[in-house]
Amino acid sequence: IIERIRACHHTSLAPENKLKLQTFLSVLLGHFVHLASVKPLPRDELDILVRPLFELTQQFPDAAAKLARERLLRMGKRLRVALAQYETTQWPSVESLLLL
């Protein structure tokens, strides 16, 4: 399904597809984070998402950098709050580590 979406919205087909694929990158990354929080860890499904995430990141480096920065800032904020309230150890969650 992922490859079909990417093919149908290729940037050579229409100029507005660039924005659509950047949005799709965000959706895929969000799905990756969701799967990374599932127990037991669905490694096969995560492996399937890695390739299209990497390819879209290479295709849209500025959008990928913006997404990564936003996620890292949110992760840092959550970790600082949790550490301040002594609710967690100093280790980030599994989904945070997988994103790194």
PDB file of N, CA and C in Angstrom:
ATOM      1  N   ILE A   1       0.829  -1.187   0.000  1.00  0.00           N
ATOM      2  CA  ILE A   1       0.000   0.000   0.000  1.00  0.00           C
ATOM      3  C   ILE A   1       0.876   1.254   0.000  1.00  0.00           C
ATOM      4  N   ILE A   2       1.947   1.219   0.783  1.00  0.00           N
ATOM      5  CA  ILE A   2       2.831   2.387   0.882  1.00  0.00           C
ATOM      6  C   ILE A   2       3.438   2.731  -0.472  1.00  0.00           C
ATOM      7  N   GLU A   3       3.912   1.708  -1.168  1.00  0.00           N
ATOM      8  CA  GLU A   3       4.520   1.954  -2.486  1.00  0.00           C
ATOM      9  C   GLU A   3       3.490   2.480  -3.477  1.00  0.00           C
ATOM     10  N   ARG A   4       2.274   1.994  -3.398  1.00  0.00           N
ATOM     11  CA  ARG A   4       1.208   2.457  -4.292  1.00  0.00           C
ATOM     12  C   ARG A   4       0.877   3.926  -4.021  1.00  0.00           C
ATOM     13  N   ILE A   5       0.800   4.303  -2.776  1.00  0.00           N
ATOM     14  CA  ILE A   5       0.541   5.708  -2.424  1.00  0.00           C
ATOM     15  C   ILE A   5       1.657   6.587  -2.966  1.00  0.00           C
ATOM     16  N   ARG A   6       2.893   6.144  -2.789  1.00  0.00           N
ATOM     17  CA  ARG A   6       4.028   6.932  -3.269  1.00  0.00           C
ATOM     18  C   ARG A   6       4.025   7.046  -4.788  1.00  0.00           C
ATOM     19  N   ALA A   7       3.662   5.966  -5.474  1.00  0.00           N
ATOM     20  CA  ALA A   7       3.634   5.990  -6.940  1.00  0.00           C
ATOM     21  C   ALA A   7       2.513   6.896  -7.463  1.00  0.00           C
ATOM     22  N   CYS A   8       1.350   6.829  -6.839  1.00  0.00           N
ATOM     23  CA  CYS A   8       0.212   7.636  -7.286  1.00  0.00           C
ATOM     24  C   CYS A   8       0.391   9.125  -7.000  1.00  0.00           C
ATOM     25  N   HIS A   9       1.270   9.439  -6.053  1.00  0.00           N
ATOM     26  CA  HIS A   9       1.488  10.834  -5.680  1.00  0.00           C
ATOM     27  C   HIS A   9       2.925  11.271  -5.964  1.00  0.00           C
ATOM     28  N   HIS A  10       3.514  10.677  -6.977  1.00  0.00           N
ATOM     29  CA  HIS A  10       4.886  11.041  -7.326  1.00  0.00           C
ATOM     30  C   HIS A  10       4.947  12.521  -7.706  1.00  0.00           C
ATOM     31  N   THR A  11       6.040  13.171  -7.368  1.00  0.00           N
ATOM     32  CA  THR A  11       6.157  14.612  -7.599  1.00  0.00           C
ATOM     33  C   THR A  11       6.161  14.980  -9.078  1.00  0.00           C
ATOM     34  N   SER A  12       6.502  14.038  -9.942  1.00  0.00           N
ATOM     35  CA  SER A  12       6.496  14.338 -11.378  1.00  0.00           C
ATOM     36  C   SER A  12       5.078  14.378 -11.956  1.00  0.00           C
ATOM     37  N   LEU A  13       4.100  13.864 -11.230  1.00  0.00           N
ATOM     38  CA  LEU A  13       2.721  13.846 -11.724  1.00  0.00           C
ATOM     39  C   LEU A  13       1.996  15.170 -11.504  1.00  0.00           C
ATOM     40  N   ALA A  14       2.304  15.834 -10.398  1.00  0.00           N
ATOM     41  CA  ALA A  14       1.667  17.118 -10.103  1.00  0.00           C
ATOM     42  C   ALA A  14       2.509  17.857  -9.065  1.00  0.00           C
ATOM     43  N   PRO A  15       2.605  19.175  -9.182  1.00  0.00           N
ATOM     44  CA  PRO A  15       3.419  19.945  -8.235  1.00  0.00           C
ATOM     45  C   PRO A  15       2.937  19.841  -6.784  1.00  0.00           C
ATOM     46  N   GLU A  16       1.627  19.733  -6.587  1.00  0.00           N
ATOM     47  CA  GLU A  16       1.096  19.680  -5.219  1.00  0.00           C
ATOM     48  C   GLU A  16       1.381  18.347  -4.524  1.00  0.00           C
ATOM     49  N   ASN A  17       1.851  17.360  -5.284  1.00  0.00           N
ATOM     50  CA  ASN A  17       2.161  16.060  -4.681  1.00  0.00           C
ATOM     51  C   ASN A  17       3.364  16.125  -3.739  1.00  0.00           C
ATOM     52  N   LYS A  18       4.208  17.110  -3.913  1.00  0.00           N
ATOM     53  CA  LYS A  18       5.348  17.255  -3.010  1.00  0.00           C
ATOM     54  C   LYS A  18       4.854  17.457  -1.579  1.00  0.00           C
ATOM     55  N   LEU A  19       3.902  18.343  -1.404  1.00  0.00           N
ATOM     56  CA  LEU A  19       3.334  18.585  -0.075  1.00  0.00           C
ATOM     57  C   LEU A  19       2.601  17.350   0.447  1.00  0.00           C
ATOM     58  N   LYS A  20       1.905  16.651  -0.430  1.00  0.00           N
ATOM     59  CA  LYS A  20       1.191  15.438  -0.017  1.00  0.00           C
ATOM     60  C   LYS A  20       2.160  14.368   0.472  1.00  0.00           C
ATOM     61  N   LEU A  21       3.269  14.199  -0.231  1.00  0.00           N
ATOM     62  CA  LEU A  21       4.247  13.200   0.188  1.00  0.00           C
ATOM     63  C   LEU A  21       4.960  13.611   1.476  1.00  0.00           C
ATOM     64  N   GLN A  22       5.148  14.893   1.677  1.00  0.00           N
ATOM     65  CA  GLN A  22       5.737  15.351   2.932  1.00  0.00           C
ATOM     66  C   GLN A  22       4.784  15.071   4.098  1.00  0.00           C
ATOM     67  N   THR A  23       3.506  15.251   3.858  1.00  0.00           N
ATOM     68  CA  THR A  23       2.502  14.915   4.865  1.00  0.00           C
ATOM     69  C   THR A  23       2.481  13.415   5.111  1.00  0.00           C
ATOM     70  N   PHE A  24       2.618  12.641   4.035  1.00  0.00           N
ATOM     71  CA  PHE A  24       2.662  11.184   4.160  1.00  0.00           C
ATOM     72  C   PHE A  24       3.875  10.742   4.980  1.00  0.00           C
ATOM     73  N   LEU A  25       4.991  11.429   4.816  1.00  0.00           N
ATOM     74  CA  LEU A  25       6.178  11.138   5.622  1.00  0.00           C
ATOM     75  C   LEU A  25       5.861  11.325   7.099  1.00  0.00           C
ATOM     76  N   SER A  26       5.166  12.383   7.424  1.00  0.00           N
ATOM     77  CA  SER A  26       4.780  12.631   8.807  1.00  0.00           C
ATOM     78  C   SER A  26       3.855  11.532   9.331  1.00  0.00           C
ATOM     79  N   VAL A  27       2.914  11.102   8.510  1.00  0.00           N
ATOM     80  CA  VAL A  27       1.981  10.042   8.904  1.00  0.00           C
ATOM     81  C   VAL A  27       2.730   8.731   9.130  1.00  0.00           C
ATOM     82  N   LEU A  28       3.653   8.390   8.215  1.00  0.00           N
ATOM     83  CA  LEU A  28       4.429   7.164   8.370  1.00  0.00           C
ATOM     84  C   LEU A  28       5.275   7.196   9.639  1.00  0.00           C
ATOM     85  N   LEU A  29       5.863   8.328   9.913  1.00  0.00           N
ATOM     86  CA  LEU A  29       6.672   8.457  11.117  1.00  0.00           C
ATOM     87  C   LEU A  29       5.801   8.297  12.368  1.00  0.00           C
ATOM     88  N   GLY A  30       4.634   8.885  12.348  1.00  0.00           N
ATOM     89  CA  GLY A  30       3.699   8.729  13.467  1.00  0.00           C
ATOM     90  C   GLY A  30       3.281   7.285  13.659  1.00  0.00           C
ATOM     91  N   HIS A  31       3.058   6.578  12.556  1.00  0.00           N
ATOM     92  CA  HIS A  31       2.692   5.158  12.631  1.00  0.00           C
ATOM     93  C   HIS A  31       3.855   4.340  13.187  1.00  0.00           C
ATOM     94  N   PHE A  32       5.080   4.691  12.774  1.00  0.00           N
ATOM     95  CA  PHE A  32       6.276   4.022  13.281  1.00  0.00           C
ATOM     96  C   PHE A  32       6.356   4.185  14.801  1.00  0.00           C
ATOM     97  N   VAL A  33       6.124   5.392  15.279  1.00  0.00           N
ATOM     98  CA  VAL A  33       6.165   5.664  16.721  1.00  0.00           C
ATOM     99  C   VAL A  33       5.080   4.865  17.434  1.00  0.00           C
ATOM    100  N   HIS A  34       3.896   4.823  16.849  1.00  0.00           N
ATOM    101  CA  HIS A  34       2.800   4.053  17.454  1.00  0.00           C
ATOM    102  C   HIS A  34       3.183   2.578  17.555  1.00  0.00           C
ATOM    103  N   LEU A  35       3.694   2.000  16.473  1.00  0.00           N
ATOM    104  CA  LEU A  35       4.080   0.592  16.491  1.00  0.00           C
ATOM    105  C   LEU A  35       5.212   0.326  17.478  1.00  0.00           C
ATOM    106  N   ALA A  36       6.093   1.294  17.633  1.00  0.00           N
ATOM    107  CA  ALA A  36       7.217   1.124  18.557  1.00  0.00           C
ATOM    108  C   ALA A  36       6.756   1.075  20.010  1.00  0.00           C
ATOM    109  N   SER A  37       5.551   1.538  20.281  1.00  0.00           N
ATOM    110  CA  SER A  37       5.039   1.520  21.652  1.00  0.00           C
ATOM    111  C   SER A  37       4.213   0.274  21.955  1.00  0.00           C
ATOM    112  N   VAL A  38       3.977  -0.557  20.940  1.00  0.00           N
ATOM    113  CA  VAL A  38       3.168  -1.763  21.115  1.00  0.00           C
ATOM    114  C   VAL A  38       4.029  -2.856  21.756  1.00  0.00           C
ATOM    115  N   LYS A  39       3.429  -3.620  22.657  1.00  0.00           N
ATOM    116  CA  LYS A  39       4.118  -4.743  23.277  1.00  0.00           C
ATOM    117  C   LYS A  39       3.372  -6.017  22.936  1.00  0.00           C
ATOM    118  N   PRO A  40       4.001  -7.034  22.452  1.00  0.00           N
ATOM    119  CA  PRO A  40       5.421  -7.129  22.104  1.00  0.00           C
ATOM    120  C   PRO A  40       5.724  -6.326  20.842  1.00  0.00           C
ATOM    121  N   LEU A  41       6.961  -5.929  20.730  1.00  0.00           N
ATOM    122  CA  LEU A  41       7.411  -5.074  19.637  1.00  0.00           C
ATOM    123  C   LEU A  41       7.232  -5.777  18.287  1.00  0.00           C
ATOM    124  N   PRO A  42       6.434  -5.186  17.366  1.00  0.00           N
ATOM    125  CA  PRO A  42       6.213  -5.808  16.052  1.00  0.00           C
ATOM    126  C   PRO A  42       7.377  -5.501  15.093  1.00  0.00           C
ATOM    127  N   ARG A  43       8.461  -6.218  15.244  1.00  0.00           N
ATOM    128  CA  ARG A  43       9.681  -5.933  14.483  1.00  0.00           C
ATOM    129  C   ARG A  43       9.482  -6.029  12.982  1.00  0.00           C
ATOM    130  N   ASP A  44       8.710  -7.013  12.525  1.00  0.00           N
ATOM    131  CA  ASP A  44       8.493  -7.161  11.084  1.00  0.00           C
ATOM    132  C   ASP A  44       7.798  -5.938  10.496  1.00  0.00           C
ATOM    133  N   GLU A  45       6.803  -5.437  11.197  1.00  0.00           N
ATOM    134  CA  GLU A  45       6.086  -4.255  10.715  1.00  0.00           C
ATOM    135  C   GLU A  45       6.973  -3.014  10.745  1.00  0.00           C
ATOM    136  N   LEU A  46       7.790  -2.892  11.779  1.00  0.00           N
ATOM    137  CA  LEU A  46       8.719  -1.757  11.851  1.00  0.00           C
ATOM    138  C   LEU A  46       9.734  -1.826  10.713  1.00  0.00           C
ATOM    139  N   ASP A  47      10.222  -3.033  10.424  1.00  0.00           N
ATOM    140  CA  ASP A  47      11.180  -3.205   9.334  1.00  0.00           C
ATOM    141  C   ASP A  47      10.584  -2.796   7.985  1.00  0.00           C
ATOM    142  N   ILE A  48       9.301  -3.074   7.797  1.00  0.00           N
ATOM    143  CA  ILE A  48       8.636  -2.704   6.548  1.00  0.00           C
ATOM    144  C   ILE A  48       8.602  -1.185   6.384  1.00  0.00           C
ATOM    145  N   LEU A  49       8.447  -0.456   7.480  1.00  0.00           N
ATOM    146  CA  LEU A  49       8.345   1.003   7.411  1.00  0.00           C
ATOM    147  C   LEU A  49       9.692   1.703   7.254  1.00  0.00           C
ATOM    148  N   VAL A  50      10.769   1.042   7.614  1.00  0.00           N
ATOM    149  CA  VAL A  50      12.076   1.699   7.599  1.00  0.00           C
ATOM    150  C   VAL A  50      12.482   2.147   6.195  1.00  0.00           C
ATOM    151  N   ARG A  51      12.319   1.289   5.209  1.00  0.00           N
ATOM    152  CA  ARG A  51      12.747   1.632   3.852  1.00  0.00           C
ATOM    153  C   ARG A  51      12.000   2.848   3.283  1.00  0.00           C
ATOM    154  N   PRO A  52      10.649   2.849   3.289  1.00  0.00           N
ATOM    155  CA  PRO A  52       9.973   4.038   2.761  1.00  0.00           C
ATOM    156  C   PRO A  52      10.262   5.296   3.577  1.00  0.00           C
ATOM    157  N   LEU A  53      10.438   5.160   4.892  1.00  0.00           N
ATOM    158  CA  LEU A  53      10.805   6.323   5.701  1.00  0.00           C
ATOM    159  C   LEU A  53      12.160   6.867   5.278  1.00  0.00           C
ATOM    160  N   PHE A  54      13.108   5.974   5.052  1.00  0.00           N
ATOM    161  CA  PHE A  54      14.436   6.395   4.626  1.00  0.00           C
ATOM    162  C   PHE A  54      14.377   7.064   3.247  1.00  0.00           C
ATOM    163  N   GLU A  55      13.654   6.461   2.325  1.00  0.00           N
ATOM    164  CA  GLU A  55      13.563   7.012   0.965  1.00  0.00           C
ATOM    165  C   GLU A  55      12.878   8.382   0.954  1.00  0.00           C
ATOM    166  N   LEU A  56      11.790   8.523   1.706  1.00  0.00           N
ATOM    167  CA  LEU A  56      11.109   9.815   1.768  1.00  0.00           C
ATOM    168  C   LEU A  56      11.973  10.858   2.466  1.00  0.00           C
ATOM    169  N   THR A  57      12.749  10.423   3.442  1.00  0.00           N
ATOM    170  CA  THR A  57      13.667  11.330   4.115  1.00  0.00           C
ATOM    171  C   THR A  57      14.731  11.833   3.151  1.00  0.00           C
ATOM    172  N   GLN A  58      15.218  10.955   2.290  1.00  0.00           N
ATOM    173  CA  GLN A  58      16.197  11.355   1.284  1.00  0.00           C
ATOM    174  C   GLN A  58      15.570  12.281   0.242  1.00  0.00           C
ATOM    175  N   GLN A  59      14.325  12.036  -0.086  1.00  0.00           N
ATOM    176  CA  GLN A  59      13.626  12.839  -1.089  1.00  0.00           C
ATOM    177  C   GLN A  59      13.272  14.231  -0.561  1.00  0.00           C
ATOM    178  N   PHE A  60      12.934  14.320   0.734  1.00  0.00           N
ATOM    179  CA  PHE A  60      12.516  15.593   1.337  1.00  0.00           C
ATOM    180  C   PHE A  60      13.317  15.851   2.621  1.00  0.00           C
ATOM    181  N   PRO A  61      14.605  16.156   2.486  1.00  0.00           N
ATOM    182  CA  PRO A  61      15.446  16.308   3.684  1.00  0.00           C
ATOM    183  C   PRO A  61      15.019  17.465   4.596  1.00  0.00           C
ATOM    184  N   ASP A  62      14.549  18.553   4.034  1.00  0.00           N
ATOM    185  CA  ASP A  62      14.134  19.683   4.875  1.00  0.00           C
ATOM    186  C   ASP A  62      12.907  19.332   5.713  1.00  0.00           C
ATOM    187  N   ALA A  63      11.930  18.692   5.093  1.00  0.00           N
ATOM    188  CA  ALA A  63      10.726  18.282   5.826  1.00  0.00           C
ATOM    189  C   ALA A  63      11.072  17.240   6.882  1.00  0.00           C
ATOM    190  N   ALA A  64      11.963  16.316   6.540  1.00  0.00           N
ATOM    191  CA  ALA A  64      12.377  15.285   7.497  1.00  0.00           C
ATOM    192  C   ALA A  64      13.121  15.909   8.679  1.00  0.00           C
ATOM    193  N   ALA A  65      13.969  16.877   8.400  1.00  0.00           N
ATOM    194  CA  ALA A  65      14.702  17.541   9.479  1.00  0.00           C
ATOM    195  C   ALA A  65      13.743  18.288  10.404  1.00  0.00           C
ATOM    196  N   LYS A  66      12.750  18.929   9.826  1.00  0.00           N
ATOM    197  CA  LYS A  66      11.757  19.650  10.635  1.00  0.00           C
ATOM    198  C   LYS A  66      10.984  18.676  11.524  1.00  0.00           C
ATOM    199  N   LEU A  67      10.572  17.528  10.956  1.00  0.00           N
ATOM    200  CA  LEU A  67       9.864  16.517  11.740  1.00  0.00           C
ATOM    201  C   LEU A  67      10.743  15.977  12.865  1.00  0.00           C
ATOM    202  N   ALA A  68      11.997  15.681  12.542  1.00  0.00           N
ATOM    203  CA  ALA A  68      12.913  15.139  13.541  1.00  0.00           C
ATOM    204  C   ALA A  68      13.135  16.140  14.665  1.00  0.00           C
ATOM    205  N   ARG A  69      13.315  17.391  14.304  1.00  0.00           N
ATOM    206  CA  ARG A  69      13.537  18.432  15.322  1.00  0.00           C
ATOM    207  C   ARG A  69      12.317  18.544  16.243  1.00  0.00           C
ATOM    208  N   GLU A  70      11.119  18.567  15.663  1.00  0.00           N
ATOM    209  CA  GLU A  70       9.901  18.672  16.470  1.00  0.00           C
ATOM    210  C   GLU A  70       9.777  17.493  17.428  1.00  0.00           C
ATOM    211  N   ARG A  71      10.036  16.289  16.924  1.00  0.00           N
ATOM    212  CA  ARG A  71       9.917  15.092  17.767  1.00  0.00           C
ATOM    213  C   ARG A  71      10.965  15.080  18.872  1.00  0.00           C
ATOM    214  N   LEU A  72      12.195  15.471  18.532  1.00  0.00           N
ATOM    215  CA  LEU A  72      13.255  15.507  19.540  1.00  0.00           C
ATOM    216  C   LEU A  72      12.954  16.531  20.638  1.00  0.00           C
ATOM    217  N   LEU A  73      12.422  17.683  20.247  1.00  0.00           N
ATOM    218  CA  LEU A  73      12.053  18.689  21.244  1.00  0.00           C
ATOM    219  C   LEU A  73      10.953  18.172  22.175  1.00  0.00           C
ATOM    220  N   ARG A  74       9.946  17.497  21.597  1.00  0.00           N
ATOM    221  CA  ARG A  74       8.870  16.935  22.422  1.00  0.00           C
ATOM    222  C   ARG A  74       9.389  15.834  23.345  1.00  0.00           C
ATOM    223  N   MET A  75      10.273  14.971  22.808  1.00  0.00           N
ATOM    224  CA  MET A  75      10.842  13.906  23.635  1.00  0.00           C
ATOM    225  C   MET A  75      11.643  14.491  24.786  1.00  0.00           C
ATOM    226  N   GLY A  76      12.445  15.505  24.503  1.00  0.00           N
ATOM    227  CA  GLY A  76      13.240  16.140  25.542  1.00  0.00           C
ATOM    228  C   GLY A  76      12.380  16.790  26.603  1.00  0.00           C
ATOM    229  N   LYS A  77      11.317  17.445  26.182  1.00  0.00           N
ATOM    230  CA  LYS A  77      10.419  18.095  27.135  1.00  0.00           C
ATOM    231  C   LYS A  77       9.742  17.064  28.037  1.00  0.00           C
ATOM    232  N   ARG A  78       9.251  15.968  27.440  1.00  0.00           N
ATOM    233  CA  ARG A  78       8.611  14.919  28.239  1.00  0.00           C
ATOM    234  C   ARG A  78       9.596  14.296  29.224  1.00  0.00           C
ATOM    235  N   LEU A  79      10.818  14.077  28.793  1.00  0.00           N
ATOM    236  CA  LEU A  79      11.820  13.477  29.666  1.00  0.00           C
ATOM    237  C   LEU A  79      12.176  14.415  30.818  1.00  0.00           C
ATOM    238  N   ARG A  80      12.322  15.717  30.518  1.00  0.00           N
ATOM    239  CA  ARG A  80      12.630  16.682  31.578  1.00  0.00           C
ATOM    240  C   ARG A  80      11.510  16.739  32.615  1.00  0.00           C
ATOM    241  N   VAL A  81      10.264  16.747  32.150  1.00  0.00           N
ATOM    242  CA  VAL A  81       9.126  16.783  33.076  1.00  0.00           C
ATOM    243  C   VAL A  81       9.088  15.518  33.921  1.00  0.00           C
ATOM    244  N   ALA A  82       9.275  14.370  33.307  1.00  0.00           N
ATOM    245  CA  ALA A  82       9.242  13.105  34.041  1.00  0.00           C
ATOM    246  C   ALA A  82      10.375  13.025  35.054  1.00  0.00           C
ATOM    247  N   LEU A  83      11.562  13.469  34.681  1.00  0.00           N
ATOM    248  CA  LEU A  83      12.686  13.442  35.616  1.00  0.00           C
ATOM    249  C   LEU A  83      12.468  14.409  36.775  1.00  0.00           C
ATOM    250  N   ALA A  84      11.866  15.553  36.487  1.00  0.00           N
ATOM    251  CA  ALA A  84      11.607  16.531  37.534  1.00  0.00           C
ATOM    252  C   ALA A  84      10.592  16.002  38.547  1.00  0.00           C
ATOM    253  N   GLN A  85       9.692  15.153  38.083  1.00  0.00           N
ATOM    254  CA  GLN A  85       8.664  14.608  38.969  1.00  0.00           C
ATOM    255  C   GLN A  85       9.046  13.231  39.515  1.00  0.00           C
ATOM    256  N   TYR A  86      10.248  12.766  39.198  1.00  0.00           N
ATOM    257  CA  TYR A  86      10.747  11.468  39.657  1.00  0.00           C
ATOM    258  C   TYR A  86       9.825  10.323  39.279  1.00  0.00           C
ATOM    259  N   GLU A  87       9.192  10.415  38.115  1.00  0.00           N
ATOM    260  CA  GLU A  87       8.272   9.366  37.694  1.00  0.00           C
ATOM    261  C   GLU A  87       8.946   8.302  36.833  1.00  0.00           C
ATOM    262  N   THR A  88      10.171   8.493  36.477  1.00  0.00           N
ATOM    263  CA  THR A  88      10.808   7.553  35.564  1.00  0.00           C
ATOM    264  C   THR A  88      12.294   7.462  35.863  1.00  0.00           C
ATOM    265  N   THR A  89      12.907   6.473  35.269  1.00  0.00           N
ATOM    266  CA  THR A  89      14.357   6.398  35.331  1.00  0.00           C
ATOM    267  C   THR A  89      14.916   7.383  34.320  1.00  0.00           C
ATOM    268  N   GLN A  90      16.196   7.414  34.169  1.00  0.00           N
ATOM    269  CA  GLN A  90      16.806   8.343  33.231  1.00  0.00           C
ATOM    270  C   GLN A  90      16.811   7.803  31.804  1.00  0.00           C
ATOM    271  N   TRP A  91      16.275   6.621  31.584  1.00  0.00           N
ATOM    272  CA  TRP A  91      16.264   6.043  30.243  1.00  0.00           C
ATOM    273  C   TRP A  91      15.008   6.458  29.492  1.00  0.00           C
ATOM    274  N   PRO A  92      15.163   6.851  28.202  1.00  0.00           N
ATOM    275  CA  PRO A  92      13.988   7.162  27.378  1.00  0.00           C
ATOM    276  C   PRO A  92      13.199   5.884  27.066  1.00  0.00           C
ATOM    277  N   SER A  93      11.997   6.050  26.564  1.00  0.00           N
ATOM    278  CA  SER A  93      11.155   4.917  26.211  1.00  0.00           C
ATOM    279  C   SER A  93      11.692   4.198  24.970  1.00  0.00           C
ATOM    280  N   VAL A  94      11.165   3.011  24.705  1.00  0.00           N
ATOM    281  CA  VAL A  94      11.585   2.222  23.549  1.00  0.00           C
ATOM    282  C   VAL A  94      11.286   2.975  22.259  1.00  0.00           C
ATOM    283  N   GLU A  95      10.104   3.589  22.156  1.00  0.00           N
ATOM    284  CA  GLU A  95       9.765   4.309  20.930  1.00  0.00           C
ATOM    285  C   GLU A  95      10.693   5.501  20.702  1.00  0.00           C
ATOM    286  N   SER A  96      11.104   6.148  21.785  1.00  0.00           N
ATOM    287  CA  SER A  96      12.050   7.255  21.656  1.00  0.00           C
ATOM    288  C   SER A  96      13.404   6.760  21.155  1.00  0.00           C
ATOM    289  N   LEU A  97      13.846   5.647  21.688  1.00  0.00           N
ATOM    290  CA  LEU A  97      15.126   5.086  21.258  1.00  0.00           C
ATOM    291  C   LEU A  97      15.087   4.625  19.813  1.00  0.00           C
ATOM    292  N   LEU A  98      13.957   4.047  19.380  1.00  0.00           N
ATOM    293  CA  LEU A  98      13.839   3.595  17.992  1.00  0.00           C
ATOM    294  C   LEU A  98      13.849   4.768  17.026  1.00  0.00           C
ATOM    295  N   LEU A  99      13.315   5.905  17.429  1.00  0.00           N
ATOM    296  CA  LEU A  99      13.323   7.081  16.570  1.00  0.00           C
ATOM    297  C   LEU A  99      14.729   7.642  16.391  1.00  0.00           C
ATOM    298  N   LEU A 100      15.552   7.481  17.413  1.00  0.00           N
ATOM    299  CA  LEU A 100      16.919   7.990  17.322  1.00  0.00           C
ATOM    300  C   LEU A 100      17.689   7.144  16.351  1.00  0.00           C
TER     301      LEU A 100
END
